[in-house]
């Protein structure tokens, strides 16, 4: 008889709340949040009445959100070109009814420096809205990631300082700020370039 597997505590999947400092800490935090968007496997047979061969998955704590907000001037310091991150985001989008709001300033730089992201974005263009502010200003409080209740806010990207919160009220305020800001944005980074 095999020992019974225990179900992982969903709270173990949460990035730790608080201020994170340093390049490695911030990049790890972003990676952890993005990888957590995908459904995660549970133990081999958490319910004995189901066959062991039947895969069972449960979403990470913040993966139930239907909207993912990513905002940065050019996404240079984000792990968005990593295959594992793109696979996790694809798995999240495959669940249907989900959308990524990508907000930035220099998408020509993003496309050039992140070719995997550019290709992935083209494949998922029906579920990804890309925006740039009409006035060319992306307010610092909006820089970061929001997948309610998870919110990562750059406090100072040049000095590698990012705040992580998992409070639903804080995430709700962020969602309202983002929605208001999108009223002052225009579509950006076309999937295809028209020309003669």
N, C-alpha and C. Protein backbone atom coordinates (compact mmCIF):
# COMPACT_ATOMS: atom_id res chain seq x y z
N UNK A 1 0.85 -1.19 0.00
CA UNK A 1 0.00 0.00 0.00
C UNK A 1 0.89 1.24 0.00
N UNK A 2 0.59 2.15 -0.94
CA UNK A 2 1.37 3.39 -1.03
C UNK A 2 0.95 4.36 0.06
N UNK A 3 1.90 5.16 0.56
CA UNK A 3 1.51 6.17 1.54
C UNK A 3 0.62 7.21 0.88
N UNK A 4 -0.36 7.70 1.60
CA UNK A 4 -1.30 8.68 1.07
C UNK A 4 -0.62 10.04 0.95
N UNK A 5 -0.76 10.64 -0.23
CA UNK A 5 -0.16 11.96 -0.45
C UNK A 5 -1.01 13.01 0.24
N UNK A 6 -0.36 14.03 0.71
CA UNK A 6 -1.11 15.12 1.33
C UNK A 6 -1.29 16.23 0.32
N UNK A 7 -2.39 16.92 0.43
CA UNK A 7 -2.68 18.02 -0.47
C UNK A 7 -1.85 19.22 -0.05
N UNK A 8 -1.15 19.87 -1.03
CA UNK A 8 -0.34 21.02 -0.66
C UNK A 8 -1.22 22.16 -0.17
N UNK A 9 -0.73 22.89 0.77
CA UNK A 9 -1.45 24.06 1.26
C UNK A 9 -1.36 25.15 0.20
N UNK A 10 -2.52 25.64 -0.30
CA UNK A 10 -2.48 26.68 -1.35
C UNK A 10 -1.70 27.91 -0.92
N UNK A 11 -1.67 28.21 0.38
CA UNK A 11 -0.95 29.40 0.83
C UNK A 11 0.56 29.28 0.58
N UNK A 12 1.07 28.04 0.44
CA UNK A 12 2.49 27.86 0.16
C UNK A 12 2.85 28.40 -1.22
N UNK A 13 1.86 28.56 -2.09
CA UNK A 13 2.10 29.02 -3.46
C UNK A 13 2.16 30.55 -3.55
N UNK A 14 1.71 31.24 -2.53
CA UNK A 14 1.67 32.70 -2.58
C UNK A 14 3.08 33.28 -2.45
N UNK A 15 3.38 34.27 -3.26
CA UNK A 15 4.62 35.02 -3.00
C UNK A 15 4.48 35.69 -1.64
N UNK A 16 5.55 35.86 -0.95
CA UNK A 16 5.45 36.48 0.38
C UNK A 16 5.15 37.97 0.26
N UNK A 17 4.19 38.41 1.06
CA UNK A 17 3.78 39.82 1.04
C UNK A 17 4.88 40.68 1.65
N UNK A 18 4.90 41.93 1.24
CA UNK A 18 5.87 42.88 1.78
C UNK A 18 6.74 43.47 0.69
N UNK A 19 7.76 44.17 1.11
CA UNK A 19 8.68 44.83 0.18
C UNK A 19 9.81 43.87 -0.18
N UNK A 20 10.05 43.72 -1.48
CA UNK A 20 11.13 42.87 -1.98
C UNK A 20 12.15 43.78 -2.64
N UNK A 21 13.42 43.54 -2.36
CA UNK A 21 14.47 44.40 -2.90
C UNK A 21 15.55 43.57 -3.57
N UNK A 22 16.10 44.11 -4.62
CA UNK A 22 17.18 43.46 -5.35
C UNK A 22 16.68 42.82 -6.62
N UNK A 23 17.56 42.76 -7.60
CA UNK A 23 17.21 42.23 -8.92
C UNK A 23 16.70 40.79 -8.83
N UNK A 24 17.42 39.93 -8.15
CA UNK A 24 17.04 38.53 -8.04
C UNK A 24 15.70 38.37 -7.33
N UNK A 25 15.49 39.10 -6.24
CA UNK A 25 14.25 38.99 -5.48
C UNK A 25 13.05 39.44 -6.33
N UNK A 26 13.18 40.54 -7.04
CA UNK A 26 12.06 41.06 -7.84
C UNK A 26 11.78 40.16 -9.04
N UNK A 27 12.82 39.71 -9.71
CA UNK A 27 12.63 38.82 -10.87
C UNK A 27 12.01 37.50 -10.42
N UNK A 28 12.46 36.98 -9.29
CA UNK A 28 11.89 35.75 -8.75
C UNK A 28 10.43 35.94 -8.39
N UNK A 29 10.09 37.06 -7.81
CA UNK A 29 8.71 37.37 -7.44
C UNK A 29 7.81 37.42 -8.69
N UNK A 30 8.26 38.10 -9.73
CA UNK A 30 7.49 38.16 -10.98
C UNK A 30 7.33 36.77 -11.59
N UNK A 31 8.43 36.02 -11.62
CA UNK A 31 8.38 34.67 -12.19
C UNK A 31 7.40 33.79 -11.41
N UNK A 32 7.48 33.84 -10.09
CA UNK A 32 6.60 33.04 -9.23
C UNK A 32 5.13 33.40 -9.49
N UNK A 33 4.84 34.68 -9.61
CA UNK A 33 3.46 35.11 -9.86
C UNK A 33 2.97 34.63 -11.23
N UNK A 34 3.80 34.78 -12.25
CA UNK A 34 3.40 34.38 -13.60
C UNK A 34 3.28 32.87 -13.73
N UNK A 35 4.19 32.13 -13.13
CA UNK A 35 4.09 30.67 -13.18
C UNK A 35 2.85 30.19 -12.43
N UNK A 36 2.46 30.92 -11.41
CA UNK A 36 1.29 30.55 -10.62
C UNK A 36 -0.03 30.76 -11.34
N UNK A 37 -0.02 31.36 -12.52
CA UNK A 37 -1.26 31.56 -13.27
C UNK A 37 -1.80 30.23 -13.80
N UNK A 38 -0.93 29.27 -14.04
CA UNK A 38 -1.34 28.00 -14.63
C UNK A 38 -1.97 27.10 -13.58
N UNK A 39 -2.87 26.21 -14.02
CA UNK A 39 -3.37 25.21 -13.07
C UNK A 39 -2.20 24.38 -12.58
N UNK A 40 -2.25 24.00 -11.31
CA UNK A 40 -1.15 23.19 -10.78
C UNK A 40 -1.67 21.80 -10.42
N UNK A 41 -0.84 20.78 -10.64
CA UNK A 41 -1.29 19.42 -10.35
C UNK A 41 -1.43 19.18 -8.85
N UNK A 42 -2.41 18.37 -8.52
CA UNK A 42 -2.59 17.93 -7.15
C UNK A 42 -1.90 16.58 -6.99
N UNK A 43 -1.86 16.04 -5.80
CA UNK A 43 -1.27 14.72 -5.62
C UNK A 43 -1.94 13.68 -6.50
N UNK A 44 -1.28 12.55 -6.69
CA UNK A 44 -1.71 11.51 -7.63
C UNK A 44 -3.17 11.12 -7.48
N UNK A 45 -3.67 10.91 -6.29
CA UNK A 45 -5.05 10.47 -6.12
C UNK A 45 -5.65 11.08 -4.85
N UNK A 46 -5.98 12.39 -4.87
CA UNK A 46 -6.48 13.02 -3.65
C UNK A 46 -7.89 12.55 -3.29
N UNK A 47 -8.63 12.03 -4.27
CA UNK A 47 -9.98 11.51 -3.99
C UNK A 47 -10.00 10.05 -4.39
N UNK A 48 -10.17 9.15 -3.45
CA UNK A 48 -10.04 7.73 -3.74
C UNK A 48 -11.07 7.18 -4.72
N UNK A 49 -12.20 7.85 -4.93
CA UNK A 49 -13.20 7.31 -5.85
C UNK A 49 -12.89 7.60 -7.32
N UNK A 50 -11.82 8.32 -7.60
CA UNK A 50 -11.40 8.58 -8.98
C UNK A 50 -10.20 7.72 -9.32
N UNK A 51 -10.11 7.24 -10.57
CA UNK A 51 -8.94 6.43 -10.94
C UNK A 51 -7.66 7.25 -10.88
N UNK A 52 -6.55 6.58 -10.54
CA UNK A 52 -5.26 7.27 -10.44
C UNK A 52 -4.81 7.86 -11.76
N UNK A 53 -5.24 7.26 -12.86
CA UNK A 53 -4.80 7.75 -14.17
C UNK A 53 -5.49 9.05 -14.56
N UNK A 54 -6.58 9.43 -13.88
CA UNK A 54 -7.30 10.65 -14.22
C UNK A 54 -6.58 11.86 -13.62
N UNK A 55 -6.04 12.75 -14.48
CA UNK A 55 -5.33 13.91 -13.94
C UNK A 55 -6.32 14.88 -13.29
N UNK A 56 -5.94 15.41 -12.18
CA UNK A 56 -6.76 16.40 -11.47
C UNK A 56 -5.89 17.62 -11.27
N UNK A 57 -6.43 18.76 -11.60
CA UNK A 57 -5.67 20.00 -11.40
C UNK A 57 -6.51 20.98 -10.61
N UNK A 58 -5.86 21.85 -9.93
CA UNK A 58 -6.52 22.92 -9.20
C UNK A 58 -5.72 24.19 -9.46
N UNK A 59 -6.40 25.30 -9.59
CA UNK A 59 -5.67 26.54 -9.88
C UNK A 59 -4.86 27.01 -8.68
N UNK A 60 -3.79 27.71 -8.99
CA UNK A 60 -3.04 28.39 -7.94
C UNK A 60 -3.98 29.44 -7.34
N UNK A 61 -3.69 29.93 -6.15
CA UNK A 61 -4.63 30.82 -5.48
C UNK A 61 -5.10 32.02 -6.30
N UNK A 62 -4.25 32.63 -7.11
CA UNK A 62 -4.64 33.81 -7.87
C UNK A 62 -4.99 33.47 -9.32
N UNK A 63 -4.90 32.22 -9.72
CA UNK A 63 -5.16 31.83 -11.11
C UNK A 63 -6.63 31.89 -11.48
N UNK A 64 -7.52 32.02 -10.51
CA UNK A 64 -8.95 32.10 -10.81
C UNK A 64 -9.34 33.45 -11.40
N UNK A 65 -8.46 34.43 -11.28
CA UNK A 65 -8.77 35.74 -11.84
C UNK A 65 -8.98 35.63 -13.34
N UNK A 66 -9.81 36.47 -13.88
CA UNK A 66 -10.09 36.43 -15.31
C UNK A 66 -9.30 37.50 -16.07
N UNK A 67 -8.64 38.39 -15.32
CA UNK A 67 -7.88 39.44 -15.99
C UNK A 67 -6.51 39.59 -15.34
N UNK A 68 -5.50 39.64 -16.18
CA UNK A 68 -4.13 39.82 -15.73
C UNK A 68 -3.64 41.17 -16.28
N UNK A 69 -3.19 42.02 -15.38
CA UNK A 69 -2.68 43.35 -15.74
C UNK A 69 -1.16 43.32 -15.63
N UNK A 70 -0.48 43.66 -16.71
CA UNK A 70 0.97 43.78 -16.73
C UNK A 70 1.31 45.16 -17.27
N UNK A 71 1.99 45.97 -16.50
CA UNK A 71 2.32 47.33 -16.95
C UNK A 71 3.77 47.66 -16.63
N UNK A 72 4.47 48.14 -17.65
CA UNK A 72 5.87 48.53 -17.51
C UNK A 72 6.23 49.32 -18.77
N UNK A 73 7.16 50.26 -18.68
CA UNK A 73 7.52 50.99 -19.89
C UNK A 73 7.97 50.09 -21.04
N UNK A 74 8.84 49.08 -20.77
CA UNK A 74 9.32 48.24 -21.87
C UNK A 74 9.49 46.75 -21.51
N UNK A 75 9.17 46.35 -20.28
CA UNK A 75 9.24 44.96 -19.81
C UNK A 75 10.64 44.35 -19.92
N UNK A 76 11.65 45.20 -19.93
CA UNK A 76 13.03 44.73 -20.04
C UNK A 76 13.42 43.78 -18.92
N UNK A 77 12.99 44.07 -17.71
CA UNK A 77 13.42 43.29 -16.55
C UNK A 77 12.45 42.18 -16.15
N UNK A 78 11.48 41.91 -16.98
CA UNK A 78 10.49 40.88 -16.67
C UNK A 78 10.90 39.54 -17.30
N UNK A 79 10.55 38.42 -16.67
CA UNK A 79 10.89 37.10 -17.24
C UNK A 79 9.87 36.63 -18.27
N UNK A 80 9.41 37.55 -19.12
CA UNK A 80 8.34 37.24 -20.06
C UNK A 80 8.79 36.50 -21.31
N UNK A 81 10.08 36.26 -21.45
CA UNK A 81 10.56 35.52 -22.62
C UNK A 81 10.93 34.08 -22.26
N UNK A 82 10.69 33.70 -21.01
CA UNK A 82 11.03 32.35 -20.56
C UNK A 82 9.95 31.37 -21.00
N UNK A 83 10.32 30.25 -21.60
CA UNK A 83 9.33 29.28 -22.06
C UNK A 83 8.38 28.81 -20.96
N UNK A 84 8.87 28.57 -19.75
CA UNK A 84 8.00 28.11 -18.66
C UNK A 84 6.93 29.14 -18.32
N UNK A 85 7.30 30.42 -18.32
CA UNK A 85 6.35 31.49 -18.03
C UNK A 85 5.30 31.56 -19.13
N UNK A 86 5.73 31.51 -20.39
CA UNK A 86 4.78 31.57 -21.50
C UNK A 86 3.86 30.35 -21.51
N UNK A 87 4.39 29.18 -21.15
CA UNK A 87 3.55 27.98 -21.05
C UNK A 87 2.51 28.13 -19.95
N UNK A 88 2.90 28.71 -18.82
CA UNK A 88 1.97 28.91 -17.71
C UNK A 88 0.86 29.88 -18.12
N UNK A 89 1.24 30.96 -18.79
CA UNK A 89 0.24 31.93 -19.24
C UNK A 89 -0.69 31.31 -20.29
N UNK A 90 -0.14 30.48 -21.17
CA UNK A 90 -0.96 29.79 -22.16
C UNK A 90 -1.97 28.87 -21.48
N UNK A 91 -1.53 28.13 -20.47
CA UNK A 91 -2.42 27.23 -19.74
C UNK A 91 -3.53 28.02 -19.06
N UNK A 92 -3.20 29.18 -18.52
CA UNK A 92 -4.20 30.04 -17.89
C UNK A 92 -5.21 30.53 -18.93
N UNK A 93 -4.73 30.99 -20.08
CA UNK A 93 -5.62 31.50 -21.13
C UNK A 93 -6.49 30.40 -21.72
N UNK A 94 -6.00 29.17 -21.78
CA UNK A 94 -6.77 28.05 -22.34
C UNK A 94 -8.03 27.76 -21.55
N UNK A 95 -8.12 28.23 -20.33
CA UNK A 95 -9.30 27.98 -19.52
C UNK A 95 -10.51 28.77 -20.02
N UNK A 96 -10.28 29.72 -20.89
CA UNK A 96 -11.36 30.50 -21.49
C UNK A 96 -11.82 31.65 -20.62
N UNK A 97 -12.29 32.70 -21.29
CA UNK A 97 -12.81 33.86 -20.59
C UNK A 97 -11.77 34.69 -19.88
N UNK A 98 -10.51 34.50 -20.22
CA UNK A 98 -9.44 35.25 -19.58
C UNK A 98 -8.83 36.26 -20.55
N UNK A 99 -8.27 37.34 -19.98
CA UNK A 99 -7.66 38.36 -20.83
C UNK A 99 -6.45 38.96 -20.14
N UNK A 100 -5.44 39.22 -20.95
CA UNK A 100 -4.23 39.91 -20.48
C UNK A 100 -4.32 41.36 -20.96
N UNK A 101 -4.12 42.29 -20.05
CA UNK A 101 -4.02 43.72 -20.37
C UNK A 101 -2.54 44.06 -20.27
N UNK A 102 -1.90 44.31 -21.39
CA UNK A 102 -0.48 44.62 -21.46
C UNK A 102 -0.34 46.11 -21.74
N UNK A 103 0.23 46.85 -20.80
CA UNK A 103 0.33 48.31 -20.93
C UNK A 103 1.80 48.71 -20.88
N UNK A 104 2.22 49.48 -21.88
CA UNK A 104 3.62 49.89 -21.91
C UNK A 104 3.83 51.10 -22.79
N UNK A 105 5.09 51.46 -22.97
CA UNK A 105 5.45 52.64 -23.76
C UNK A 105 6.27 52.27 -24.99
N UNK A 106 7.19 51.33 -24.87
CA UNK A 106 8.14 51.05 -25.95
C UNK A 106 7.99 49.61 -26.43
N UNK A 107 6.91 49.33 -27.13
CA UNK A 107 6.68 47.96 -27.59
C UNK A 107 7.59 47.57 -28.74
N UNK A 108 8.19 48.54 -29.44
CA UNK A 108 9.19 48.18 -30.44
C UNK A 108 10.41 47.55 -29.75
N UNK A 109 10.80 48.09 -28.60
CA UNK A 109 11.89 47.51 -27.82
C UNK A 109 11.49 46.15 -27.27
N UNK A 110 10.27 46.04 -26.76
CA UNK A 110 9.78 44.77 -26.23
C UNK A 110 9.81 43.69 -27.30
N UNK A 111 9.31 44.00 -28.50
CA UNK A 111 9.28 43.03 -29.60
C UNK A 111 10.69 42.60 -30.00
N UNK A 112 11.60 43.56 -30.03
CA UNK A 112 12.98 43.27 -30.45
C UNK A 112 13.73 42.44 -29.40
N UNK A 113 13.56 42.78 -28.13
CA UNK A 113 14.31 42.11 -27.07
C UNK A 113 13.64 40.86 -26.52
N UNK A 114 12.36 40.66 -26.84
CA UNK A 114 11.60 39.51 -26.34
C UNK A 114 10.92 38.78 -27.49
N UNK A 115 11.69 38.11 -28.37
CA UNK A 115 11.10 37.48 -29.55
C UNK A 115 10.10 36.37 -29.22
N UNK A 116 10.36 35.60 -28.15
CA UNK A 116 9.39 34.55 -27.77
C UNK A 116 8.07 35.18 -27.33
N UNK A 117 8.17 36.26 -26.56
CA UNK A 117 6.97 36.96 -26.12
C UNK A 117 6.20 37.50 -27.33
N UNK A 118 6.91 38.07 -28.29
CA UNK A 118 6.26 38.62 -29.49
C UNK A 118 5.53 37.52 -30.26
N UNK A 119 6.15 36.37 -30.41
CA UNK A 119 5.53 35.25 -31.12
C UNK A 119 4.32 34.72 -30.33
N UNK A 120 4.50 34.56 -29.02
CA UNK A 120 3.42 34.08 -28.16
C UNK A 120 2.24 35.06 -28.20
N UNK A 121 2.54 36.33 -28.12
CA UNK A 121 1.51 37.37 -28.14
C UNK A 121 0.72 37.33 -29.44
N UNK A 122 1.40 37.07 -30.57
CA UNK A 122 0.72 36.96 -31.86
C UNK A 122 -0.25 35.77 -31.85
N UNK A 123 0.20 34.65 -31.27
CA UNK A 123 -0.66 33.45 -31.21
C UNK A 123 -1.87 33.64 -30.31
N UNK A 124 -1.78 34.47 -29.30
CA UNK A 124 -2.86 34.68 -28.35
C UNK A 124 -3.48 36.08 -28.50
N UNK A 125 -3.36 36.68 -29.65
CA UNK A 125 -3.81 38.07 -29.83
C UNK A 125 -5.30 38.25 -29.52
N UNK A 126 -6.09 37.20 -29.65
CA UNK A 126 -7.52 37.30 -29.36
C UNK A 126 -7.79 37.47 -27.85
N UNK A 127 -6.81 37.18 -27.02
CA UNK A 127 -6.99 37.26 -25.57
C UNK A 127 -6.05 38.27 -24.91
N UNK A 128 -5.31 39.02 -25.73
CA UNK A 128 -4.36 39.98 -25.18
C UNK A 128 -4.65 41.36 -25.75
N UNK A 129 -4.94 42.31 -24.87
CA UNK A 129 -5.15 43.70 -25.28
C UNK A 129 -3.88 44.47 -24.92
N UNK A 130 -3.33 45.16 -25.89
CA UNK A 130 -2.09 45.91 -25.68
C UNK A 130 -2.40 47.40 -25.79
N UNK A 131 -1.94 48.15 -24.79
CA UNK A 131 -2.27 49.56 -24.68
C UNK A 131 -1.03 50.40 -24.44
N UNK A 132 -1.13 51.66 -24.86
CA UNK A 132 -0.11 52.65 -24.52
C UNK A 132 -0.85 53.94 -24.17
N UNK A 133 -0.37 54.70 -23.18
CA UNK A 133 -1.05 55.93 -22.79
C UNK A 133 -0.98 56.97 -23.90
N UNK A 134 -2.09 57.64 -24.12
CA UNK A 134 -2.15 58.68 -25.17
C UNK A 134 -1.15 59.80 -24.93
N UNK A 135 -0.91 60.13 -23.66
CA UNK A 135 0.02 61.22 -23.35
C UNK A 135 1.46 60.73 -23.17
N UNK A 136 1.70 59.44 -23.37
CA UNK A 136 3.05 58.90 -23.26
C UNK A 136 3.58 58.79 -21.85
N UNK A 137 2.68 58.84 -20.85
CA UNK A 137 3.11 58.76 -19.45
C UNK A 137 2.42 57.58 -18.78
N UNK A 138 3.22 56.67 -18.25
CA UNK A 138 2.72 55.53 -17.49
C UNK A 138 3.00 55.81 -16.02
N UNK A 139 1.98 56.20 -15.25
CA UNK A 139 2.21 56.58 -13.84
C UNK A 139 2.87 55.45 -13.04
N UNK A 140 3.91 55.76 -12.27
CA UNK A 140 4.61 54.74 -11.50
C UNK A 140 3.71 53.84 -10.63
N UNK A 141 2.65 54.36 -10.00
CA UNK A 141 1.82 53.46 -9.17
C UNK A 141 1.15 52.33 -9.96
N UNK A 142 1.09 52.46 -11.28
CA UNK A 142 0.45 51.43 -12.10
C UNK A 142 1.44 50.39 -12.61
N UNK A 143 2.75 50.62 -12.44
CA UNK A 143 3.76 49.67 -12.91
C UNK A 143 3.65 48.39 -12.08
N UNK A 144 3.50 47.29 -12.75
CA UNK A 144 3.50 46.03 -12.02
C UNK A 144 2.53 45.02 -12.59
N UNK A 145 2.09 44.12 -11.71
CA UNK A 145 1.24 42.99 -12.07
C UNK A 145 0.05 42.98 -11.13
N UNK A 146 -1.13 42.76 -11.71
CA UNK A 146 -2.33 42.60 -10.90
C UNK A 146 -3.09 41.39 -11.40
N UNK A 147 -3.20 40.39 -10.54
CA UNK A 147 -4.02 39.20 -10.78
C UNK A 147 -4.74 38.97 -9.46
N UNK A 148 -5.82 39.73 -9.27
CA UNK A 148 -6.49 39.78 -7.97
C UNK A 148 -6.66 38.39 -7.37
N UNK A 149 -6.33 38.25 -6.12
CA UNK A 149 -5.97 39.26 -5.12
C UNK A 149 -4.48 39.61 -5.08
N UNK A 150 -3.68 39.01 -5.96
CA UNK A 150 -2.24 39.28 -5.97
C UNK A 150 -1.94 40.58 -6.70
N UNK A 151 -1.15 41.43 -6.05
CA UNK A 151 -0.72 42.67 -6.69
C UNK A 151 0.76 42.89 -6.41
N UNK A 152 1.52 43.07 -7.49
CA UNK A 152 2.94 43.40 -7.39
C UNK A 152 3.11 44.79 -7.96
N UNK A 153 3.62 45.71 -7.16
CA UNK A 153 3.81 47.10 -7.59
C UNK A 153 5.28 47.46 -7.50
N UNK A 154 5.81 47.95 -8.62
CA UNK A 154 7.17 48.47 -8.58
C UNK A 154 7.14 49.72 -7.72
N UNK A 155 7.97 49.77 -6.71
CA UNK A 155 8.13 50.98 -5.90
C UNK A 155 9.22 51.85 -6.51
N UNK A 156 10.22 51.18 -7.04
CA UNK A 156 11.34 51.87 -7.68
C UNK A 156 12.05 50.83 -8.54
N UNK A 157 11.72 50.79 -9.81
CA UNK A 157 12.28 49.74 -10.67
C UNK A 157 13.78 49.93 -10.89
N UNK A 158 14.26 51.16 -10.90
CA UNK A 158 15.70 51.40 -11.09
C UNK A 158 16.50 50.83 -9.92
N UNK A 159 15.94 50.87 -8.71
CA UNK A 159 16.63 50.35 -7.53
C UNK A 159 16.12 48.96 -7.14
N UNK A 160 15.31 48.36 -7.98
CA UNK A 160 14.81 47.00 -7.75
C UNK A 160 14.08 46.89 -6.42
N UNK A 161 12.98 47.63 -6.31
CA UNK A 161 12.13 47.55 -5.13
C UNK A 161 10.70 47.31 -5.58
N UNK A 162 10.09 46.23 -5.09
CA UNK A 162 8.74 45.86 -5.48
C UNK A 162 7.94 45.45 -4.25
N UNK A 163 6.70 45.93 -4.16
CA UNK A 163 5.83 45.57 -3.05
C UNK A 163 4.82 44.52 -3.51
N UNK A 164 4.65 43.49 -2.69
CA UNK A 164 3.70 42.42 -2.94
C UNK A 164 2.59 42.49 -1.90
N UNK A 165 1.34 42.52 -2.38
CA UNK A 165 0.19 42.45 -1.47
C UNK A 165 -0.75 41.35 -1.96
N UNK A 166 -1.46 40.76 -1.03
CA UNK A 166 -2.43 39.72 -1.38
C UNK A 166 -3.79 40.04 -0.75
N UNK A 167 -4.02 41.30 -0.54
CA UNK A 167 -5.27 41.78 0.07
C UNK A 167 -6.27 42.09 -1.04
N UNK A 168 -7.44 41.50 -0.98
CA UNK A 168 -8.43 41.68 -2.03
C UNK A 168 -8.88 43.14 -2.15
N UNK A 169 -8.98 43.87 -1.03
CA UNK A 169 -9.38 45.28 -1.08
C UNK A 169 -8.32 46.10 -1.82
N UNK A 170 -7.06 45.83 -1.54
CA UNK A 170 -5.96 46.54 -2.23
C UNK A 170 -5.99 46.22 -3.72
N UNK A 171 -6.22 44.96 -4.06
CA UNK A 171 -6.30 44.57 -5.47
C UNK A 171 -7.48 45.23 -6.15
N UNK A 172 -8.60 45.34 -5.45
CA UNK A 172 -9.80 45.97 -6.03
C UNK A 172 -9.53 47.45 -6.34
N UNK A 173 -8.87 48.14 -5.41
CA UNK A 173 -8.51 49.55 -5.67
C UNK A 173 -7.60 49.65 -6.89
N UNK A 174 -6.65 48.72 -6.99
CA UNK A 174 -5.76 48.71 -8.15
C UNK A 174 -6.52 48.47 -9.44
N UNK A 175 -7.48 47.57 -9.42
CA UNK A 175 -8.29 47.30 -10.61
C UNK A 175 -9.06 48.56 -11.04
N UNK A 176 -9.62 49.28 -10.09
CA UNK A 176 -10.34 50.52 -10.42
C UNK A 176 -9.39 51.57 -11.01
N UNK A 177 -8.19 51.70 -10.43
CA UNK A 177 -7.19 52.64 -10.98
C UNK A 177 -6.82 52.26 -12.41
N UNK A 178 -6.61 50.97 -12.63
CA UNK A 178 -6.23 50.50 -13.96
C UNK A 178 -7.33 50.76 -14.98
N UNK A 179 -8.58 50.47 -14.61
CA UNK A 179 -9.71 50.68 -15.52
C UNK A 179 -9.84 52.16 -15.87
N UNK A 180 -9.66 53.03 -14.88
CA UNK A 180 -9.72 54.47 -15.14
C UNK A 180 -8.59 54.89 -16.07
N UNK A 181 -7.39 54.36 -15.84
CA UNK A 181 -6.24 54.70 -16.67
C UNK A 181 -6.43 54.25 -18.12
N UNK A 182 -7.03 53.09 -18.34
CA UNK A 182 -7.23 52.58 -19.70
C UNK A 182 -8.12 53.50 -20.54
N UNK A 183 -8.92 54.34 -19.89
CA UNK A 183 -9.75 55.30 -20.62
C UNK A 183 -8.89 56.34 -21.33
N UNK A 184 -7.65 56.48 -20.90
CA UNK A 184 -6.73 57.45 -21.48
C UNK A 184 -5.62 56.77 -22.29
N UNK A 185 -5.92 55.58 -22.79
CA UNK A 185 -4.93 54.82 -23.56
C UNK A 185 -5.46 54.51 -24.95
N UNK A 186 -4.53 54.14 -25.82
CA UNK A 186 -4.91 53.72 -27.17
C UNK A 186 -4.25 52.37 -27.45
N UNK A 187 -4.83 51.66 -28.40
CA UNK A 187 -4.32 50.35 -28.77
C UNK A 187 -2.89 50.48 -29.30
N UNK A 188 -2.08 49.47 -29.01
CA UNK A 188 -0.67 49.52 -29.41
C UNK A 188 -0.20 48.13 -29.86
N UNK A 189 1.00 48.06 -30.39
CA UNK A 189 1.68 46.85 -30.81
C UNK A 189 0.78 45.97 -31.68
N UNK A 190 0.51 46.43 -32.90
CA UNK A 190 -0.34 45.64 -33.80
C UNK A 190 0.27 44.26 -34.08
N UNK A 191 -0.61 43.28 -34.26
CA UNK A 191 -0.16 41.92 -34.51
C UNK A 191 0.54 41.82 -35.85
N UNK A 192 0.01 42.51 -36.84
CA UNK A 192 0.64 42.54 -38.15
C UNK A 192 0.93 43.98 -38.54
N UNK A 193 1.96 44.16 -39.31
CA UNK A 193 2.32 45.49 -39.79
C UNK A 193 1.86 45.62 -41.22
N UNK A 194 1.02 46.62 -41.46
CA UNK A 194 0.53 46.85 -42.82
C UNK A 194 1.54 47.66 -43.60
N UNK A 195 1.67 47.36 -44.84
CA UNK A 195 2.60 48.12 -45.67
C UNK A 195 2.46 47.72 -47.13
N UNK A 196 3.15 48.41 -47.97
CA UNK A 196 3.08 48.14 -49.40
C UNK A 196 4.18 47.17 -49.80
